[in-house]
Full PDB file with SEQRES, HELIX, SHEET, SSBOND, CRYST1, ORIGX, SCALE, CONECT and MASTER records, all heavy atoms in Angstrom:
SEQRES   1 A   35  MET CYS HIS HIS CYS THR ALA HIS VAL GLU LYS ALA LEU          
SEQRES   2 A   35  ASN ALA ILE GLU GLY VAL GLN ALA VAL ALA ASP LEU GLU          
SEQRES   3 A   35  GLY LYS CYS ALA ARG VAL THR LEU SER                          
HELIX    1 AA1 HIS A    3  ASN A   14  1                                  12    
SHEET    1 AA1 2 VAL A  19  ASP A  24  0                                        
SHEET    2 AA1 2 CYS A  29  LEU A  34 -1                                        
CRYST1    1.000    1.000    1.000  90.00  90.00  90.00 P 1           1          
ORIGX1      1.000000  0.000000  0.000000        0.00000                         
ORIGX2      0.000000  1.000000  0.000000        0.00000                         
ORIGX3      0.000000  0.000000  1.000000        0.00000                         
SCALE1      1.000000  0.000000  0.000000        0.00000                         
SCALE2      0.000000  1.000000  0.000000        0.00000                         
SCALE3      0.000000  0.000000  1.000000        0.00000                         
ATOM      1  N   MET A   1       0.798  -1.220   0.000  1.00  0.00           N  
ATOM      2  CA  MET A   1       0.000   0.000   0.000  1.00  0.00           C  
ATOM      3  C   MET A   1       0.832   1.273   0.000  1.00  0.00           C  
ATOM      4  O   MET A   1       0.288   2.343  -0.225  1.00  0.00           O  
ATOM      5  CB  MET A   1      -0.917   0.011   1.210  1.00  0.00           C  
ATOM      6  CG  MET A   1      -1.888  -1.122   1.243  1.00  0.00           C  
ATOM      7  SD  MET A   1      -2.844  -1.009   2.742  1.00  0.00           S  
ATOM      8  CE  MET A   1      -4.261  -1.949   2.295  1.00  0.00           C  
ATOM      9  N   CYS A   2       2.125   1.173   0.281  1.00  0.00           N  
ATOM     10  CA  CYS A   2       2.962   2.371   0.351  1.00  0.00           C  
ATOM     11  C   CYS A   2       4.399   2.011  -0.001  1.00  0.00           C  
ATOM     12  O   CYS A   2       4.717   0.852  -0.225  1.00  0.00           O  
ATOM     13  CB  CYS A   2       2.905   2.994   1.754  1.00  0.00           C  
ATOM     14  SG  CYS A   2       3.564   1.909   3.035  1.00  0.00           S  
ATOM     15  N   HIS A   3       5.253   3.031  -0.039  1.00  0.00           N  
ATOM     16  CA  HIS A   3       6.646   2.785  -0.389  1.00  0.00           C  
ATOM     17  C   HIS A   3       7.371   2.001   0.704  1.00  0.00           C  
ATOM     18  O   HIS A   3       8.340   1.310   0.433  1.00  0.00           O  
ATOM     19  CB  HIS A   3       7.355   4.104  -0.678  1.00  0.00           C  
ATOM     20  CG  HIS A   3       6.843   4.753  -1.930  1.00  0.00           C  
ATOM     21  ND1 HIS A   3       7.092   4.225  -3.169  1.00  0.00           N  
ATOM     22  CD2 HIS A   3       6.082   5.854  -2.121  1.00  0.00           C  
ATOM     23  CE1 HIS A   3       6.502   4.990  -4.082  1.00  0.00           C  
ATOM     24  NE2 HIS A   3       5.883   5.978  -3.467  1.00  0.00           N  
ATOM     25  N   HIS A   4       6.879   2.089   1.928  1.00  0.00           N  
ATOM     26  CA  HIS A   4       7.434   1.276   3.006  1.00  0.00           C  
ATOM     27  C   HIS A   4       7.182  -0.208   2.713  1.00  0.00           C  
ATOM     28  O   HIS A   4       8.051  -1.046   2.944  1.00  0.00           O  
ATOM     29  CB  HIS A   4       6.809   1.680   4.346  1.00  0.00           C  
ATOM     30  CG  HIS A   4       7.226   0.811   5.490  1.00  0.00           C  
ATOM     31  ND1 HIS A   4       8.494   0.844   6.011  1.00  0.00           N  
ATOM     32  CD2 HIS A   4       6.547  -0.118   6.193  1.00  0.00           C  
ATOM     33  CE1 HIS A   4       8.568  -0.040   6.997  1.00  0.00           C  
ATOM     34  NE2 HIS A   4       7.404  -0.629   7.116  1.00  0.00           N  
ATOM     35  N   CYS A   5       6.012  -0.497   2.181  1.00  0.00           N  
ATOM     36  CA  CYS A   5       5.685  -1.884   1.828  1.00  0.00           C  
ATOM     37  C   CYS A   5       6.616  -2.406   0.741  1.00  0.00           C  
ATOM     38  O   CYS A   5       7.101  -3.535   0.821  1.00  0.00           O  
ATOM     39  CB  CYS A   5       4.236  -1.986   1.363  1.00  0.00           C  
ATOM     40  SG  CYS A   5       3.012  -1.578   2.631  1.00  0.00           S  
ATOM     41  N   THR A   6       6.867  -1.589  -0.285  1.00  0.00           N  
ATOM     42  CA  THR A   6       7.765  -2.037  -1.363  1.00  0.00           C  
ATOM     43  C   THR A   6       9.169  -2.257  -0.828  1.00  0.00           C  
ATOM     44  O   THR A   6       9.835  -3.210  -1.221  1.00  0.00           O  
ATOM     45  CB  THR A   6       7.798  -1.025  -2.528  1.00  0.00           C  
ATOM     46  OG1 THR A   6       8.229   0.239  -2.050  1.00  0.00           O  
ATOM     47  CG2 THR A   6       6.455  -0.912  -3.199  1.00  0.00           C  
ATOM     48  N   ALA A   7       9.609  -1.403   0.087  1.00  0.00           N  
ATOM     49  CA  ALA A   7      10.934  -1.586   0.682  1.00  0.00           C  
ATOM     50  C   ALA A   7      10.992  -2.876   1.485  1.00  0.00           C  
ATOM     51  O   ALA A   7      12.005  -3.593   1.463  1.00  0.00           O  
ATOM     52  CB  ALA A   7      11.279  -0.391   1.567  1.00  0.00           C  
ATOM     53  N   HIS A   8       9.906  -3.192   2.173  1.00  0.00           N  
ATOM     54  CA  HIS A   8       9.830  -4.418   2.971  1.00  0.00           C  
ATOM     55  C   HIS A   8       9.903  -5.654   2.059  1.00  0.00           C  
ATOM     56  O   HIS A   8      10.609  -6.621   2.352  1.00  0.00           O  
ATOM     57  CB  HIS A   8       8.524  -4.415   3.767  1.00  0.00           C  
ATOM     58  CG  HIS A   8       8.536  -5.333   4.941  1.00  0.00           C  
ATOM     59  ND1 HIS A   8       8.036  -4.979   6.152  1.00  0.00           N  
ATOM     60  CD2 HIS A   8       8.980  -6.596   5.092  1.00  0.00           C  
ATOM     61  CE1 HIS A   8       8.160  -5.984   6.989  1.00  0.00           C  
ATOM     62  NE2 HIS A   8       8.724  -6.981   6.369  1.00  0.00           N  
ATOM     63  N   VAL A   9       9.186  -5.616   0.933  1.00  0.00           N  
ATOM     64  CA  VAL A   9       9.209  -6.732  -0.023  1.00  0.00           C  
ATOM     65  C   VAL A   9      10.600  -6.872  -0.629  1.00  0.00           C  
ATOM     66  O   VAL A   9      11.133  -7.978  -0.732  1.00  0.00           O  
ATOM     67  CB  VAL A   9       8.137  -6.527  -1.127  1.00  0.00           C  
ATOM     68  CG1 VAL A   9       8.336  -7.497  -2.271  1.00  0.00           C  
ATOM     69  CG2 VAL A   9       6.744  -6.681  -0.537  1.00  0.00           C  
ATOM     70  N   GLU A  10      11.205  -5.758  -1.019  1.00  0.00           N  
ATOM     71  CA  GLU A  10      12.552  -5.811  -1.596  1.00  0.00           C  
ATOM     72  C   GLU A  10      13.546  -6.388  -0.602  1.00  0.00           C  
ATOM     73  O   GLU A  10      14.383  -7.212  -0.960  1.00  0.00           O  
ATOM     74  CB  GLU A  10      13.006  -4.415  -2.026  1.00  0.00           C  
ATOM     75  CG  GLU A  10      12.329  -3.925  -3.270  1.00  0.00           C  
ATOM     76  CD  GLU A  10      12.754  -2.508  -3.643  1.00  0.00           C  
ATOM     77  OE1 GLU A  10      13.636  -1.926  -2.978  1.00  0.00           O  
ATOM     78  OE2 GLU A  10      12.185  -1.982  -4.626  1.00  0.00           O  
ATOM     79  N   LYS A  11      13.451  -5.978   0.653  1.00  0.00           N  
ATOM     80  CA  LYS A  11      14.365  -6.477   1.674  1.00  0.00           C  
ATOM     81  C   LYS A  11      14.201  -7.988   1.856  1.00  0.00           C  
ATOM     82  O   LYS A  11      15.183  -8.714   1.955  1.00  0.00           O  
ATOM     83  CB  LYS A  11      14.110  -5.755   2.996  1.00  0.00           C  
ATOM     84  CG  LYS A  11      15.049  -6.163   4.106  1.00  0.00           C  
ATOM     85  CD  LYS A  11      14.777  -5.377   5.366  1.00  0.00           C  
ATOM     86  CE  LYS A  11      15.697  -5.830   6.489  1.00  0.00           C  
ATOM     87  NZ  LYS A  11      15.409  -5.121   7.741  1.00  0.00           N  
ATOM     88  N   ALA A  12      12.958  -8.450   1.868  1.00  0.00           N  
ATOM     89  CA  ALA A  12      12.706  -9.883   2.044  1.00  0.00           C  
ATOM     90  C   ALA A  12      13.249 -10.683   0.865  1.00  0.00           C  
ATOM     91  O   ALA A  12      13.866 -11.740   1.050  1.00  0.00           O  
ATOM     92  CB  ALA A  12      11.207 -10.133   2.209  1.00  0.00           C  
ATOM     93  N   LEU A  13      13.044 -10.194  -0.355  1.00  0.00           N  
ATOM     94  CA  LEU A  13      13.517 -10.926  -1.534  1.00  0.00           C  
ATOM     95  C   LEU A  13      15.040 -10.842  -1.685  1.00  0.00           C  
ATOM     96  O   LEU A  13      15.694 -11.822  -2.031  1.00  0.00           O  
ATOM     97  CB  LEU A  13      12.827 -10.397  -2.791  1.00  0.00           C  
ATOM     98  CG  LEU A  13      11.347 -10.745  -2.910  1.00  0.00           C  
ATOM     99  CD1 LEU A  13      10.695  -9.955  -4.046  1.00  0.00           C  
ATOM    100  CD2 LEU A  13      11.156 -12.239  -3.124  1.00  0.00           C  
ATOM    101  N   ASN A  14      15.609  -9.675  -1.427  1.00  0.00           N  
ATOM    102  CA  ASN A  14      17.050  -9.510  -1.572  1.00  0.00           C  
ATOM    103  C   ASN A  14      17.833 -10.278  -0.518  1.00  0.00           C  
ATOM    104  O   ASN A  14      19.041 -10.485  -0.664  1.00  0.00           O  
ATOM    105  CB  ASN A  14      17.438  -8.028  -1.543  1.00  0.00           C  
ATOM    106  CG  ASN A  14      17.016  -7.311  -2.805  1.00  0.00           C  
ATOM    107  OD1 ASN A  14      16.966  -7.890  -3.874  1.00  0.00           O  
ATOM    108  ND2 ASN A  14      16.700  -6.036  -2.676  1.00  0.00           N  
ATOM    109  N   ALA A  15      17.163 -10.716   0.553  1.00  0.00           N  
ATOM    110  CA  ALA A  15      17.819 -11.519   1.578  1.00  0.00           C  
ATOM    111  C   ALA A  15      18.105 -12.936   1.080  1.00  0.00           C  
ATOM    112  O   ALA A  15      18.937 -13.637   1.648  1.00  0.00           O  
ATOM    113  CB  ALA A  15      16.960 -11.566   2.832  1.00  0.00           C  
ATOM    114  N   ILE A  16      17.441 -13.352   0.013  1.00  0.00           N  
ATOM    115  CA  ILE A  16      17.667 -14.686  -0.562  1.00  0.00           C  
ATOM    116  C   ILE A  16      18.921 -14.612  -1.423  1.00  0.00           C  
ATOM    117  O   ILE A  16      19.064 -13.719  -2.262  1.00  0.00           O  
ATOM    118  CB  ILE A  16      16.463 -15.130  -1.421  1.00  0.00           C  
ATOM    119  CG1 ILE A  16      15.183 -15.127  -0.586  1.00  0.00           C  
ATOM    120  CG2 ILE A  16      16.716 -16.501  -2.030  1.00  0.00           C  
ATOM    121  CD1 ILE A  16      13.919 -15.312  -1.415  1.00  0.00           C  
ATOM    122  N   GLU A  17      19.823 -15.556  -1.236  1.00  0.00           N  
ATOM    123  CA  GLU A  17      21.071 -15.554  -1.992  1.00  0.00           C  
ATOM    124  C   GLU A  17      20.794 -15.765  -3.478  1.00  0.00           C  
ATOM    125  O   GLU A  17      20.028 -16.638  -3.866  1.00  0.00           O  
ATOM    126  CB  GLU A  17      22.000 -16.659  -1.485  1.00  0.00           C  
ATOM    127  CG  GLU A  17      23.371 -16.600  -2.111  1.00  0.00           C  
ATOM    128  CD  GLU A  17      24.326 -17.605  -1.504  1.00  0.00           C  
ATOM    129  OE1 GLU A  17      24.103 -18.022  -0.358  1.00  0.00           O  
ATOM    130  OE2 GLU A  17      25.286 -17.962  -2.184  1.00  0.00           O  
ATOM    131  N   GLY A  18      21.401 -14.920  -4.297  1.00  0.00           N  
ATOM    132  CA  GLY A  18      21.233 -15.022  -5.740  1.00  0.00           C  
ATOM    133  C   GLY A  18      20.030 -14.275  -6.281  1.00  0.00           C  
ATOM    134  O   GLY A  18      19.682 -14.416  -7.441  1.00  0.00           O  
ATOM    135  N   VAL A  19      19.376 -13.456  -5.433  1.00  0.00           N  
ATOM    136  CA  VAL A  19      18.184 -12.710  -5.853  1.00  0.00           C  
ATOM    137  C   VAL A  19      18.462 -11.220  -5.737  1.00  0.00           C  
ATOM    138  O   VAL A  19      18.978 -10.742  -4.726  1.00  0.00           O  
ATOM    139  CB  VAL A  19      16.953 -13.078  -4.990  1.00  0.00           C  
ATOM    140  CG1 VAL A  19      15.764 -12.210  -5.345  1.00  0.00           C  
ATOM    141  CG2 VAL A  19      16.612 -14.543  -5.157  1.00  0.00           C  
ATOM    142  N   GLN A  20      18.104 -10.507  -6.786  1.00  0.00           N  
ATOM    143  CA  GLN A  20      18.132  -9.042  -6.758  1.00  0.00           C  
ATOM    144  C   GLN A  20      16.734  -8.600  -7.188  1.00  0.00           C  
ATOM    145  O   GLN A  20      16.288  -8.924  -8.285  1.00  0.00           O  
ATOM    146  CB  GLN A  20      19.200  -8.510  -7.703  1.00  0.00           C  
ATOM    147  CG  GLN A  20      19.420  -7.034  -7.573  1.00  0.00           C  
ATOM    148  CD  GLN A  20      20.588  -6.555  -8.413  1.00  0.00           C  
ATOM    149  OE1 GLN A  20      21.106  -7.289  -9.236  1.00  0.00           O  
ATOM    150  NE2 GLN A  20      20.990  -5.324  -8.203  1.00  0.00           N  
ATOM    151  N   ALA A  21      16.050  -7.847  -6.315  1.00  0.00           N  
ATOM    152  CA  ALA A  21      14.647  -7.519  -6.548  1.00  0.00           C  
ATOM    153  C   ALA A  21      14.393  -6.024  -6.540  1.00  0.00           C  
ATOM    154  O   ALA A  21      15.053  -5.273  -5.825  1.00  0.00           O  
ATOM    155  CB  ALA A  21      13.779  -8.178  -5.472  1.00  0.00           C  
ATOM    156  N   VAL A  22      13.408  -5.622  -7.350  1.00  0.00           N  
ATOM    157  CA  VAL A  22      12.905  -4.249  -7.365  1.00  0.00           C  
ATOM    158  C   VAL A  22      11.381  -4.349  -7.340  1.00  0.00           C  
ATOM    159  O   VAL A  22      10.786  -4.949  -8.226  1.00  0.00           O  
ATOM    160  CB  VAL A  22      13.369  -3.484  -8.626  1.00  0.00           C  
ATOM    161  CG1 VAL A  22      12.776  -2.094  -8.642  1.00  0.00           C  
ATOM    162  CG2 VAL A  22      14.880  -3.431  -8.698  1.00  0.00           C  
ATOM    163  N   ALA A  23      10.766  -3.763  -6.305  1.00  0.00           N  
ATOM    164  CA  ALA A  23       9.310  -3.819  -6.162  1.00  0.00           C  
ATOM    165  C   ALA A  23       8.681  -2.563  -6.756  1.00  0.00           C  
ATOM    166  O   ALA A  23       9.281  -1.493  -6.751  1.00  0.00           O  
ATOM    167  CB  ALA A  23       8.928  -3.954  -4.694  1.00  0.00           C  
ATOM    168  N   ASP A  24       7.456  -2.723  -7.270  1.00  0.00           N  
ATOM    169  CA  ASP A  24       6.729  -1.610  -7.868  1.00  0.00           C  
ATOM    170  C   ASP A  24       5.361  -1.511  -7.216  1.00  0.00           C  
ATOM    171  O   ASP A  24       4.565  -2.453  -7.288  1.00  0.00           O  
ATOM    172  CB  ASP A  24       6.592  -1.823  -9.372  1.00  0.00           C  
ATOM    173  CG  ASP A  24       5.765  -0.738 -10.020  1.00  0.00           C  
ATOM    174  OD1 ASP A  24       5.992   0.440  -9.721  1.00  0.00           O  
ATOM    175  OD2 ASP A  24       4.889  -1.076 -10.834  1.00  0.00           O  
ATOM    176  N   LEU A  25       5.109  -0.371  -6.593  1.00  0.00           N  
ATOM    177  CA  LEU A  25       3.854  -0.161  -5.885  1.00  0.00           C  
ATOM    178  C   LEU A  25       2.673  -0.064  -6.838  1.00  0.00           C  
ATOM    179  O   LEU A  25       1.639  -0.693  -6.632  1.00  0.00           O  
ATOM    180  CB  LEU A  25       3.952   1.103  -5.030  1.00  0.00           C  
ATOM    181  CG  LEU A  25       2.743   1.471  -4.195  1.00  0.00           C  
ATOM    182  CD1 LEU A  25       2.435   0.360  -3.200  1.00  0.00           C  
ATOM    183  CD2 LEU A  25       2.980   2.778  -3.466  1.00  0.00           C  
ATOM    184  N   GLU A  26       2.820   0.717  -7.910  1.00  0.00           N  
ATOM    185  CA  GLU A  26       1.718   0.908  -8.855  1.00  0.00           C  
ATOM    186  C   GLU A  26       1.337  -0.385  -9.570  1.00  0.00           C  
ATOM    187  O   GLU A  26       0.169  -0.666  -9.777  1.00  0.00           O  
ATOM    188  CB  GLU A  26       2.082   1.976  -9.876  1.00  0.00           C  
ATOM    189  CG  GLU A  26       2.157   3.359  -9.293  1.00  0.00           C  
ATOM    190  CD  GLU A  26       2.557   4.396 -10.320  1.00  0.00           C  
ATOM    191  OE1 GLU A  26       2.424   4.119 -11.526  1.00  0.00           O  
ATOM    192  OE2 GLU A  26       2.995   5.470  -9.905  1.00  0.00           O  
ATOM    193  N   GLY A  27       2.313  -1.153  -9.972  1.00  0.00           N  
ATOM    194  CA  GLY A  27       2.048  -2.399 -10.682  1.00  0.00           C  
ATOM    195  C   GLY A  27       1.745  -3.567  -9.767  1.00  0.00           C  
ATOM    196  O   GLY A  27       1.415  -4.650 -10.224  1.00  0.00           O  
ATOM    197  N   LYS A  28       1.882  -3.344  -8.457  1.00  0.00           N  
ATOM    198  CA  LYS A  28       1.658  -4.388  -7.457  1.00  0.00           C  
ATOM    199  C   LYS A  28       2.427  -5.650  -7.802  1.00  0.00           C  
ATOM    200  O   LYS A  28       1.875  -6.752  -7.824  1.00  0.00           O  
ATOM    201  CB  LYS A  28       0.175  -4.683  -7.290  1.00  0.00           C  
ATOM    202  CG  LYS A  28      -0.607  -3.515  -6.754  1.00  0.00           C  
ATOM    203  CD  LYS A  28      -2.047  -3.879  -6.494  1.00  0.00           C  
ATOM    204  CE  LYS A  28      -2.769  -2.681  -5.931  1.00  0.00           C  
ATOM    205  NZ  LYS A  28      -4.133  -2.989  -5.562  1.00  0.00           N  
ATOM    206  N   CYS A  29       3.722  -5.460  -8.096  1.00  0.00           N  
ATOM    207  CA  CYS A  29       4.554  -6.604  -8.429  1.00  0.00           C  
ATOM    208  C   CYS A  29       6.007  -6.296  -8.092  1.00  0.00           C  
ATOM    209  O   CYS A  29       6.341  -5.184  -7.697  1.00  0.00           O  
ATOM    210  CB  CYS A  29       4.402  -6.974  -9.904  1.00  0.00           C  
ATOM    211  SG  CYS A  29       4.884  -5.662 -11.027  1.00  0.00           S  
ATOM    212  N   ALA A  30       6.828  -7.305  -8.231  1.00  0.00           N  
ATOM    213  CA  ALA A  30       8.264  -7.151  -8.037  1.00  0.00           C  
ATOM    214  C   ALA A  30       8.966  -7.896  -9.156  1.00  0.00           C  
ATOM    215  O   ALA A  30       8.571  -9.010  -9.506  1.00  0.00           O  
ATOM    216  CB  ALA A  30       8.687  -7.700  -6.685  1.00  0.00           C  
ATOM    217  N   ARG A  31       9.991  -7.272  -9.716  1.00  0.00           N  
ATOM    218  CA  ARG A  31      10.803  -7.931 -10.730  1.00  0.00           C  
ATOM    219  C   ARG A  31      12.058  -8.428 -10.033  1.00  0.00           C  
ATOM    220  O   ARG A  31      12.736  -7.664  -9.366  1.00  0.00           O  
ATOM    221  CB  ARG A  31      11.174  -6.980 -11.858  1.00  0.00           C  
ATOM    222  CG  ARG A  31      12.120  -7.670 -12.851  1.00  0.00           C  
ATOM    223  CD  ARG A  31      12.417  -6.838 -14.040  1.00  0.00           C  
ATOM    224  NE  ARG A  31      11.222  -6.786 -14.861  1.00  0.00           N  
ATOM    225  CZ  ARG A  31      10.921  -5.802 -15.674  1.00  0.00           C  
ATOM    226  NH1 ARG A  31      11.715  -4.774 -15.779  1.00  0.00           N  
ATOM    227  NH2 ARG A  31       9.830  -5.827 -16.394  1.00  0.00           N  
ATOM    228  N   VAL A  32      12.320  -9.709 -10.175  1.00  0.00           N  
ATOM    229  CA  VAL A  32      13.504 -10.292  -9.561  1.00  0.00           C  
ATOM    230  C   VAL A  32      14.442 -10.795 -10.645  1.00  0.00           C  
ATOM    231  O   VAL A  32      14.008 -11.315 -11.671  1.00  0.00           O  
ATOM    232  CB  VAL A  32      13.159 -11.436  -8.581  1.00  0.00           C  
ATOM    233  CG1 VAL A  32      12.387 -10.916  -7.390  1.00  0.00           C  
ATOM    234  CG2 VAL A  32      12.385 -12.536  -9.250  1.00  0.00           C  
ATOM    235  N   THR A  33      15.716 -10.596 -10.421  1.00  0.00           N  
ATOM    236  CA  THR A  33      16.750 -11.129 -11.291  1.00  0.00           C  
ATOM    237  C   THR A  33      17.482 -12.182 -10.490  1.00  0.00           C  
ATOM    238  O   THR A  33      18.005 -11.903  -9.413  1.00  0.00           O  
ATOM    239  CB  THR A  33      17.718 -10.021 -11.734  1.00  0.00           C  
ATOM    240  OG1 THR A  33      16.960  -8.996 -12.381  1.00  0.00           O  
ATOM    241  CG2 THR A  33      18.756 -10.547 -12.691  1.00  0.00           C  
ATOM    242  N   LEU A  34      17.491 -13.401 -11.023  1.00  0.00           N  
ATOM    243  CA  LEU A  34      18.095 -14.529 -10.315  1.00  0.00           C  
ATOM    244  C   LEU A  34      19.451 -14.855 -10.924  1.00  0.00           C  
ATOM    245  O   LEU A  34      19.564 -15.052 -12.133  1.00  0.00           O  
ATOM    246  CB  LEU A  34      17.182 -15.754 -10.405  1.00  0.00           C  
ATOM    247  CG  LEU A  34      15.731 -15.559  -9.946  1.00  0.00           C  
ATOM    248  CD1 LEU A  34      14.906 -16.789 -10.251  1.00  0.00           C  
ATOM    249  CD2 LEU A  34      15.693 -15.248  -8.475  1.00  0.00           C  
ATOM    250  N   SER A  35      20.474 -14.924 -10.078  1.00  0.00           N  
ATOM    251  CA  SER A  35      21.789 -15.350 -10.543  1.00  0.00           C  
ATOM    252  C   SER A  35      22.116 -16.732  -9.987  1.00  0.00           C  
ATOM    253  O   SER A  35      23.220 -17.229 -10.154  1.00  0.00           O  
ATOM    254  CB  SER A  35      22.859 -14.338 -10.117  1.00  0.00           C  
ATOM    255  OG  SER A  35      22.882 -14.213  -8.716  1.00  0.00           O  
TER     256      SER A  35                                                      
MASTER        0    0    0    1    2    0    0    6  255    1    0    3          
END                                                                             
């Protein structure tokens, strides 16, 4: 619902090894790049 939420999602996803994530509030999604 807010930019704090997107930061929370990014932090949770980026904590996974090999994941780089960017969350989007308007699109209600996150794009992850997996290495």
